Amino acid sequence: MLERMFRMEERHTDLRTELVAGATTFLTAAYIVFVNPDILSATGMDKGALISVTCLVSGLASILIGLWANAPLMMAPGMGLNAFFAFGLVLGAGIPWQEALGVVFVSGVFFLVLTLIGIRERIVSAIPVSLRMAISVGIGLFIAFIGMKNLGLIVKDDNTFVALGTLDRTVLLGLFGLLLVAVMEVRRVRGSILIGILATAFLGMILKISPFPEGVVSLPPSIAPVAFRLDIIGALKVSLWASIFSFMFVDLFDSLGTMLAVSREAGLEKDGHIKDLPRMLSADAVATVFGALLGTSTTTTYIESASGVAVGGRTGLTGVTTGLLFFLAAFFTPVIGAVHGYATAPALIIVGIFMMRGIGQIDFYDFEEGVPSFLTLILMPLTFSIAKGLVFGFLSYVLIKVAVGKARDVDPILAAVAALSLVSLVV
């Protein structure tokens, strides 16, 4: 039955390889079980419920894409998008978290519609590579900024806006965690971020910075405090259109780029075409919709899927295995809940570093490309908003092209996106 479902022989793999690949992907990306609840709970959402929801949504989404698209991919609440949800919408704009979940839900529905009618891939092709890279880099800077803020490494200052925080035991412990993960990455240790989080948290407990967990295994906390609490009607107000667009747009590039890269590594691309890509995209959109219903920010495809592919994962059984392990993780809530911000902050900084890798593909000597890219990546952390970085990036790109007489070089889809960006800025 498994052979018929996943076509393992056709893809030159076997049951053992797929199971090992799924476990590898889980270990590489399991840090999200600690980090996502930590970020979203800053909005006032119940942390215990968020741990259960993160495990449940990550498990369901990974199994969905494994069964539906037969792809060795995993999905979970997206890094950067969860930060935008918490610090951009709820804490930044003062929007209730229920309304913010409504924004995520609506963006997921639009996302699904765009996928089904084929516009999603059309939008991607309209955006220049430099801006795509700038978006990734900007989100990386934003995530790293949040990590440093959560750690206490940087603090608010009335004169200079930000300043170096006090290097107390907690900050020094977090910096130790950062160094530990960096060294393991250099040595190519699988699951380095997860190991770093657990080691830093355990050391903090030994030093009595935080208490030991009261247990190891327990029934998962109820998801009732956050599940089905979204406010869809409130999310439809005009002032939130830009946020809906931003969630949809960032997820679009994040997930599609990951799918293309991982599928290529898995040998699923033939003649420049990935047969099951439409199903992958649809699964991604559906996951965002039910993720919002259950109480978490946008669900997206994770680049950590590449770790499973690297050890031989080639079918959806890899994703299904990863999903089942996320379900199992929900029963270790006492341990997860005992991990404090000083232990997860280094993970945010490391993820930010990962996302900086694309900066080398931006030609800053060419101001037609360099200026919009720079505005995009620098304004995300400085305005504490992914949306504002996108708005200024699109607008400046189109305006510069028009001003230098190259309006014909601007794709009509991109021009429409820039117009929507202008409307959102004015509103």
Protein backbone atom coordinates (compact mmCIF):
# COMPACT_ATOMS: atom_id res chain seq x y z
CA MET A 1 0.00 0.00 0.00
CA LEU A 2 2.80 2.43 0.88
CA GLU A 3 4.50 1.70 -2.43
CA ARG A 4 1.27 2.46 -4.31
CA MET A 5 0.71 5.72 -2.38
CA PHE A 6 4.24 7.13 -2.49
CA ARG A 7 5.84 5.44 -5.53
CA MET A 8 9.10 4.81 -3.64
CA GLU A 9 10.56 2.40 -6.19
CA GLU A 10 9.93 4.87 -9.00
CA ARG A 11 11.84 7.54 -7.03
CA HIS A 12 14.67 5.19 -6.06
CA THR A 13 14.08 5.17 -2.32
CA ASP A 14 12.78 2.78 0.34
CA LEU A 15 10.82 2.75 3.61
CA ARG A 16 13.84 3.01 5.92
CA THR A 17 15.33 5.93 3.99
CA GLU A 18 12.04 7.82 4.03
CA LEU A 19 11.58 7.32 7.78
CA VAL A 20 15.13 8.49 8.52
CA ALA A 21 14.62 11.50 6.22
CA GLY A 22 11.40 12.45 8.01
CA ALA A 23 13.08 12.21 11.41
CA THR A 24 16.01 14.31 10.15
CA THR A 25 13.69 17.03 8.90
CA PHE A 26 11.86 17.04 12.23
CA LEU A 27 15.05 17.38 14.28
CA THR A 28 16.23 20.21 12.04
CA ALA A 29 12.99 22.19 12.29
CA ALA A 30 11.64 21.20 15.72
CA TYR A 31 12.83 24.51 17.13
CA ILE A 32 9.58 25.99 15.80
CA VAL A 33 7.73 24.15 18.60
CA PHE A 34 9.64 26.33 21.09
CA VAL A 35 9.95 29.56 19.13
CA ASN A 36 6.47 30.01 17.64
CA PRO A 37 4.59 29.88 20.99
CA ASP A 38 7.21 32.18 22.51
CA ILE A 39 6.67 34.81 19.81
CA LEU A 40 2.87 34.58 19.57
CA SER A 41 2.33 34.52 23.35
CA ALA A 42 3.69 38.10 23.46
CA THR A 43 0.28 39.11 22.07
CA GLY A 44 -1.53 37.74 25.12
CA MET A 45 -2.43 34.41 23.53
CA ASP A 46 -2.26 31.38 25.84
CA LYS A 47 1.22 29.81 25.53
CA GLY A 48 0.14 26.28 26.46
CA ALA A 49 -2.57 26.34 23.80
CA LEU A 50 -0.06 27.73 21.29
CA ILE A 51 2.33 24.83 21.93
CA SER A 52 -0.45 22.36 21.16
CA VAL A 53 -1.60 24.33 18.11
CA THR A 54 1.94 24.63 16.74
CA CYS A 55 2.43 20.86 17.00
CA LEU A 56 -1.04 20.12 15.61
CA VAL A 57 -0.84 22.50 12.65
CA SER A 58 2.74 21.51 11.78
CA GLY A 59 1.75 17.85 11.91
CA LEU A 60 -1.43 18.21 9.87
CA ALA A 61 0.19 20.47 7.27
CA SER A 62 3.22 18.22 6.78
CA ILE A 63 1.00 15.15 6.41
CA LEU A 64 -1.27 17.04 4.00
CA ILE A 65 1.51 18.00 1.60
CA GLY A 66 3.01 14.51 1.93
CA LEU A 67 -0.21 12.71 1.03
CA TRP A 68 -1.65 15.21 -1.44
CA ALA A 69 1.46 16.20 -3.37
CA ASN A 70 3.73 13.24 -2.53
CA ALA A 71 6.51 15.73 -1.76
CA PRO A 72 9.30 15.36 0.84
CA LEU A 73 8.36 18.69 2.41
CA MET A 74 7.30 19.88 5.85
CA MET A 75 5.14 22.87 6.77
CA ALA A 76 4.76 24.84 9.98
CA PRO A 77 3.96 28.40 11.11
CA GLY A 78 6.44 30.58 9.25
CA MET A 79 9.30 32.44 10.88
CA GLY A 80 9.06 36.13 10.06
CA LEU A 81 5.35 35.84 9.44
CA ASN A 82 4.79 34.98 13.10
CA ALA A 83 6.93 37.99 14.05
CA PHE A 84 4.90 40.21 11.71
CA PHE A 85 1.73 38.86 13.29
CA ALA A 86 2.86 39.53 16.86
CA PHE A 87 5.03 42.62 16.66
CA GLY A 88 3.70 44.27 13.51
CA LEU A 89 -0.05 43.80 13.78
CA VAL A 90 -0.94 43.08 17.39
CA LEU A 91 1.71 44.93 19.40
CA GLY A 92 2.70 47.41 16.69
CA ALA A 93 -0.68 48.45 15.29
CA GLY A 94 -2.73 47.60 18.38
CA ILE A 95 -4.95 45.09 16.57
CA PRO A 96 -6.55 42.37 18.74
CA TRP A 97 -4.99 38.97 18.11
CA GLN A 98 -8.40 37.60 17.13
CA GLU A 99 -8.58 40.17 14.32
CA ALA A 100 -4.99 39.40 13.31
CA LEU A 101 -5.93 35.72 12.97
CA GLY A 102 -8.77 36.89 10.72
CA VAL A 103 -6.20 38.68 8.55
CA VAL A 104 -4.21 35.44 8.24
CA PHE A 105 -7.37 33.50 7.36
CA VAL A 106 -8.44 35.96 4.65
CA SER A 107 -4.91 36.06 3.19
CA GLY A 108 -4.98 32.24 3.05
CA VAL A 109 -8.32 32.21 1.23
CA PHE A 110 -7.06 34.76 -1.32
CA PHE A 111 -3.87 32.76 -1.60
CA LEU A 112 -5.83 29.60 -2.40
CA VAL A 113 -7.94 31.38 -5.03
CA LEU A 114 -4.84 32.86 -6.69
CA THR A 115 -3.25 29.40 -6.71
CA LEU A 116 -6.27 27.67 -8.24
CA ILE A 117 -6.56 30.20 -11.09
CA GLY A 118 -2.81 30.25 -11.78
CA ILE A 119 -2.11 33.88 -10.83
CA ARG A 120 0.26 33.00 -8.01
CA GLU A 121 3.06 31.87 -10.28
CA ARG A 122 2.37 34.83 -12.59
CA ILE A 123 2.97 37.29 -9.74
CA VAL A 124 6.24 35.61 -8.84
CA SER A 125 7.59 35.94 -12.37
CA ALA A 126 6.72 39.66 -12.37
CA ILE A 127 8.94 40.51 -9.40
CA PRO A 128 12.65 41.04 -10.18
CA VAL A 129 15.11 38.67 -8.54
CA SER A 130 16.77 41.51 -6.63
CA LEU A 131 13.54 42.40 -4.83
CA ARG A 132 12.84 38.75 -4.05
CA MET A 133 16.25 38.47 -2.42
CA ALA A 134 15.76 41.78 -0.58
CA ILE A 135 12.50 40.54 0.90
CA SER A 136 14.20 37.45 2.31
CA VAL A 137 17.15 39.47 3.65
CA GLY A 138 14.86 42.09 5.17
CA ILE A 139 12.80 39.49 6.99
CA GLY A 140 16.05 37.94 8.22
CA LEU A 141 17.17 41.28 9.65
CA PHE A 142 13.75 41.74 11.23
CA ILE A 143 13.84 38.30 12.89
CA ALA A 144 17.41 38.83 14.15
CA PHE A 145 16.42 42.24 15.54
CA ILE A 146 13.54 40.65 17.44
CA GLY A 147 15.86 37.92 18.75
CA MET A 148 18.34 40.49 20.07
CA LYS A 149 15.49 42.47 21.62
CA ASN A 150 13.98 39.40 23.30
CA LEU A 151 17.39 38.45 24.65
CA GLY A 152 17.98 41.93 26.08
CA LEU A 153 21.13 42.38 24.00
CA ILE A 154 19.63 45.58 22.59
CA VAL A 155 17.24 47.87 24.47
CA LYS A 156 15.24 51.03 23.83
CA ASP A 157 17.13 54.31 24.24
CA ASP A 158 15.55 57.78 24.15
CA ASN A 159 18.62 59.38 22.57
CA THR A 160 19.82 56.78 20.09
CA PHE A 161 16.59 54.75 19.68
CA VAL A 162 18.43 51.50 20.47
CA ALA A 163 21.46 50.74 22.63
CA LEU A 164 23.42 47.80 24.01
CA GLY A 165 21.64 46.23 26.97
CA THR A 166 23.18 45.21 30.29
CA LEU A 167 25.34 42.12 29.89
CA ASP A 168 23.82 40.24 32.82
CA ARG A 169 23.71 36.47 33.33
CA THR A 170 20.67 36.03 31.11
CA VAL A 171 22.16 37.91 28.16
CA LEU A 172 25.50 36.15 28.51
CA LEU A 173 23.73 32.78 28.59
CA GLY A 174 21.85 33.67 25.40
CA LEU A 175 25.12 34.68 23.72
CA PHE A 176 26.59 31.34 24.79
CA GLY A 177 23.64 29.65 23.07
CA LEU A 178 24.29 31.68 19.93
CA LEU A 179 27.95 30.68 19.92
CA LEU A 180 27.06 27.04 20.54
CA VAL A 181 24.66 26.90 17.57
CA ALA A 182 27.17 28.72 15.34
CA VAL A 183 29.92 26.21 16.17
CA MET A 184 27.59 23.27 15.53
CA GLU A 185 26.58 24.80 12.18
CA VAL A 186 30.24 25.09 11.22
CA ARG A 187 30.67 21.43 12.12
CA ARG A 188 27.45 20.57 10.22
CA VAL A 189 25.70 19.03 13.23
CA ARG A 190 22.11 18.15 12.32
CA GLY A 191 19.46 19.72 14.52
CA SER A 192 21.93 22.34 15.79
CA ILE A 193 19.25 24.93 16.55
CA LEU A 194 17.16 22.47 18.56
CA ILE A 195 20.23 21.22 20.44
CA GLY A 196 21.27 24.82 21.15
CA ILE A 197 17.83 25.71 22.53
CA LEU A 198 17.70 22.69 24.83
CA ALA A 199 21.32 23.06 26.02
CA THR A 200 20.90 26.78 26.77
CA ALA A 201 17.61 26.20 28.57
CA PHE A 202 19.08 23.37 30.65
CA LEU A 203 22.11 25.47 31.62
CA GLY A 204 19.76 28.29 32.62
CA MET A 205 17.89 25.90 34.90
CA ILE A 206 21.14 24.72 36.50
CA LEU A 207 22.13 28.36 37.11
CA LYS A 208 18.63 28.97 38.55
CA ILE A 209 17.81 31.64 35.97
CA SER A 210 14.61 29.72 35.27
CA PRO A 211 12.96 26.74 37.02
CA PHE A 212 13.12 23.12 35.92
CA PRO A 213 9.94 21.75 34.31
CA GLU A 214 7.46 20.13 36.68
CA GLY A 215 7.32 17.06 34.47
CA VAL A 216 8.39 15.63 31.11
CA VAL A 217 5.31 14.06 29.54
CA SER A 218 1.69 15.16 29.85
CA LEU A 219 -1.49 15.40 27.84
CA PRO A 220 -1.31 18.36 25.44
CA PRO A 221 -2.93 21.57 26.75
CA SER A 222 -6.35 22.42 25.32
CA ILE A 223 -6.36 24.53 22.18
CA ALA A 224 -9.69 26.09 23.19
CA PRO A 225 -8.19 29.44 24.34
CA VAL A 226 -7.06 30.24 20.77
CA ALA A 227 -8.87 27.86 18.39
CA PHE A 228 -11.73 29.31 16.32
CA ARG A 229 -11.38 32.69 18.05
CA LEU A 230 -10.53 34.56 14.86
CA ASP A 231 -12.46 37.70 13.83
CA ILE A 232 -12.91 37.49 10.06
CA ILE A 233 -15.35 40.42 9.75
CA GLY A 234 -12.99 42.74 11.64
CA ALA A 235 -10.13 41.69 9.37
CA LEU A 236 -11.94 42.94 6.26
CA LYS A 237 -11.71 46.64 7.15
CA VAL A 238 -9.85 48.78 4.58
CA SER A 239 -7.01 49.63 6.97
CA LEU A 240 -5.99 45.96 7.06
CA TRP A 241 -5.91 45.34 3.30
CA ALA A 242 -2.17 46.08 3.21
CA SER A 243 -1.56 43.53 5.98
CA ILE A 244 -3.61 40.88 4.16
CA PHE A 245 -1.58 41.56 1.02
CA SER A 246 1.70 41.43 2.95
CA PHE A 247 0.95 38.05 4.54
CA MET A 248 -0.12 36.67 1.18
CA PHE A 249 2.86 38.09 -0.66
CA VAL A 250 5.56 37.04 1.80
CA ASP A 251 4.14 33.52 2.03
CA LEU A 252 4.01 33.39 -1.75
CA PHE A 253 7.76 33.90 -2.16
CA ASP A 254 8.75 32.01 0.95
CA SER A 255 6.87 28.84 0.08
CA LEU A 256 7.36 28.84 -3.68
CA GLY A 257 11.10 29.44 -3.40
CA THR A 258 11.41 26.58 -0.90
CA MET A 259 9.32 24.22 -3.02
CA LEU A 260 11.37 24.90 -6.14
CA ALA A 261 14.72 24.54 -4.37
CA VAL A 262 13.88 21.37 -2.41
CA SER A 263 12.10 19.70 -5.34
CA ARG A 264 15.11 20.34 -7.52
CA GLU A 265 17.41 18.76 -4.93
CA ALA A 266 15.05 15.77 -4.66
CA GLY A 267 15.18 15.21 -8.41
CA LEU A 268 11.48 15.99 -8.87
CA GLU A 269 12.12 18.63 -11.54
CA LYS A 270 12.06 17.45 -15.15
CA ASP A 271 12.70 19.78 -18.09
CA GLY A 272 12.28 22.77 -15.78
CA HIS A 273 8.85 21.58 -14.66
CA ILE A 274 7.72 20.15 -11.32
CA LYS A 275 4.70 17.96 -11.95
CA ASP A 276 3.06 18.25 -8.53
CA LEU A 277 3.84 21.95 -7.93
CA PRO A 278 0.17 23.07 -8.20
CA ARG A 279 -0.77 20.55 -5.49
CA MET A 280 2.11 21.73 -3.31
CA LEU A 281 0.96 25.33 -3.66
CA SER A 282 -2.65 24.41 -2.92
CA ALA A 283 -1.62 22.44 0.17
CA ASP A 284 0.35 25.46 1.39
CA ALA A 285 -2.68 27.74 1.02
CA VAL A 286 -5.07 25.26 2.66
CA ALA A 287 -2.64 24.88 5.58
CA THR A 288 -2.69 28.65 6.16
CA VAL A 289 -6.50 28.65 6.25
CA PHE A 290 -6.89 25.83 8.79
CA GLY A 291 -3.87 27.11 10.75
CA ALA A 292 -5.64 30.45 11.26
CA LEU A 293 -8.81 28.63 12.30
CA LEU A 294 -6.87 26.66 14.92
CA GLY A 295 -5.08 29.75 16.20
CA THR A 296 -1.66 30.37 14.64
CA SER A 297 -0.05 32.70 12.13
CA THR A 298 0.60 31.85 8.47
CA THR A 299 1.72 28.27 7.77
CA THR A 300 4.38 27.88 5.12
CA THR A 301 6.84 25.38 3.63
CA TYR A 302 10.17 25.11 5.45
CA ILE A 303 13.59 25.18 3.83
CA GLU A 304 14.66 22.75 6.57
CA SER A 305 12.95 20.14 4.38
CA ALA A 306 16.25 20.09 2.47
CA SER A 307 17.89 18.29 5.40
CA GLY A 308 15.59 15.30 4.88
CA VAL A 309 16.19 15.35 1.14
CA ALA A 310 19.94 15.41 1.80
CA VAL A 311 19.73 12.00 3.52
CA GLY A 312 17.60 10.49 0.75
CA GLY A 313 13.99 11.64 1.25
CA ARG A 314 12.19 11.60 -2.09
CA THR A 315 8.48 11.05 -1.40
CA GLY A 316 5.59 12.28 0.70
CA LEU A 317 6.35 9.61 3.29
CA THR A 318 9.14 11.90 4.48
CA GLY A 319 6.59 14.65 5.16
CA VAL A 320 4.14 12.24 6.78
CA THR A 321 6.86 10.97 9.14
CA THR A 322 7.79 14.53 10.08
CA GLY A 323 4.13 15.34 10.73
CA LEU A 324 3.65 12.34 13.03
CA LEU A 325 6.71 13.38 15.05
CA PHE A 326 5.20 16.86 15.50
CA PHE A 327 2.07 15.19 16.93
CA LEU A 328 4.28 13.26 19.34
CA ALA A 329 6.04 16.47 20.42
CA ALA A 330 2.74 17.84 21.78
CA PHE A 331 2.98 15.37 24.66
CA PHE A 332 6.20 17.01 25.90
CA THR A 333 4.53 20.34 26.72
CA PRO A 334 6.02 20.62 30.25
CA VAL A 335 9.52 20.67 28.77
CA ILE A 336 8.59 23.02 25.93
CA GLY A 337 6.78 25.42 28.27
CA ALA A 338 9.82 25.61 30.56
CA VAL A 339 12.05 26.96 27.77
CA HIS A 340 12.32 30.74 28.20
CA GLY A 341 13.14 33.55 25.80
CA TYR A 342 16.88 33.59 26.51
CA ALA A 343 17.05 30.08 25.02
CA THR A 344 14.92 30.74 21.91
CA ALA A 345 16.39 34.18 21.11
CA PRO A 346 19.63 32.70 19.67
CA ALA A 347 17.50 30.60 17.30
CA LEU A 348 15.87 33.77 15.95
CA ILE A 349 19.28 35.34 15.36
CA ILE A 350 20.59 32.22 13.60
CA VAL A 351 17.50 32.02 11.36
CA GLY A 352 18.07 35.69 10.53
CA ILE A 353 21.62 34.87 9.49
CA PHE A 354 20.36 32.04 7.28
CA MET A 355 18.03 34.46 5.51
CA MET A 356 20.86 36.92 4.82
CA ARG A 357 22.46 34.55 2.32
CA GLY A 358 20.62 36.02 -0.65
CA ILE A 359 22.16 39.48 -0.27
CA GLY A 360 25.01 38.54 -2.60
CA GLN A 361 22.53 38.27 -5.48
CA ILE A 362 21.60 41.96 -5.22
CA ASP A 363 23.62 44.29 -7.45
CA PHE A 364 23.96 47.47 -5.40
CA TYR A 365 26.08 49.05 -8.13
CA ASP A 366 22.95 49.16 -10.28
CA PHE A 367 20.78 51.78 -8.57
CA GLU A 368 17.69 50.73 -10.51
CA GLU A 369 17.86 47.46 -8.60
CA GLY A 370 19.93 48.51 -5.58
CA VAL A 371 17.82 51.38 -4.23
CA PRO A 372 14.47 49.50 -4.10
CA SER A 373 16.25 46.45 -2.65
CA PHE A 374 17.97 48.55 0.01
CA LEU A 375 14.73 50.31 1.02
CA THR A 376 12.98 46.96 1.25
CA LEU A 377 15.54 45.25 3.45
CA ILE A 378 16.41 48.20 5.70
CA LEU A 379 12.89 49.45 6.39
CA MET A 380 11.58 46.10 7.60
CA PRO A 381 13.62 46.11 10.82
CA LEU A 382 13.73 49.91 11.22
CA THR A 383 9.94 50.35 10.93
CA PHE A 384 9.32 47.01 12.68
CA SER A 385 7.07 46.10 9.76
CA ILE A 386 7.49 43.67 6.86
CA ALA A 387 4.58 45.37 5.09
CA LYS A 388 6.19 48.81 5.04
CA GLY A 389 9.41 47.40 3.61
CA LEU A 390 7.45 45.75 0.80
CA VAL A 391 5.46 48.90 0.08
CA PHE A 392 8.53 51.13 -0.29
CA GLY A 393 10.41 48.50 -2.28
CA PHE A 394 7.69 48.04 -4.91
CA LEU A 395 6.88 51.73 -5.17
CA SER A 396 10.50 52.85 -5.53
CA TYR A 397 11.24 50.17 -8.15
CA VAL A 398 8.38 51.26 -10.40
CA LEU A 399 8.95 55.00 -9.87
CA ILE A 400 12.67 54.77 -10.71
CA LYS A 401 11.95 52.75 -13.88
CA VAL A 402 9.35 55.31 -14.99
CA ALA A 403 11.61 58.28 -14.16
CA VAL A 404 14.50 56.96 -16.27
CA GLY A 405 12.27 56.19 -19.23
CA LYS A 406 12.07 52.42 -18.76
CA ALA A 407 8.37 52.13 -17.96
CA ARG A 408 8.03 49.39 -20.57
CA ASP A 409 10.40 47.22 -18.55
CA VAL A 410 7.91 47.12 -15.68
CA ASP A 411 5.64 44.11 -15.76
CA PRO A 412 1.94 45.15 -15.65
CA ILE A 413 1.40 42.82 -12.68
CA LEU A 414 4.22 44.56 -10.80
CA ALA A 415 2.75 47.96 -11.70
CA ALA A 416 -0.58 46.83 -10.24
CA VAL A 417 1.16 45.62 -7.08
CA ALA A 418 2.91 49.00 -6.75
CA ALA A 419 -0.43 50.79 -7.17
CA LEU A 420 -1.93 48.69 -4.40
CA SER A 421 1.13 49.48 -2.29
CA LEU A 422 0.55 53.21 -2.80
CA VAL A 423 -3.09 52.85 -1.81
CA SER A 424 -2.13 50.93 1.33
CA LEU A 425 0.46 53.59 2.25
CA VAL A 426 -2.05 56.41 1.85
CA VAL A 427 -4.74 54.52 3.77
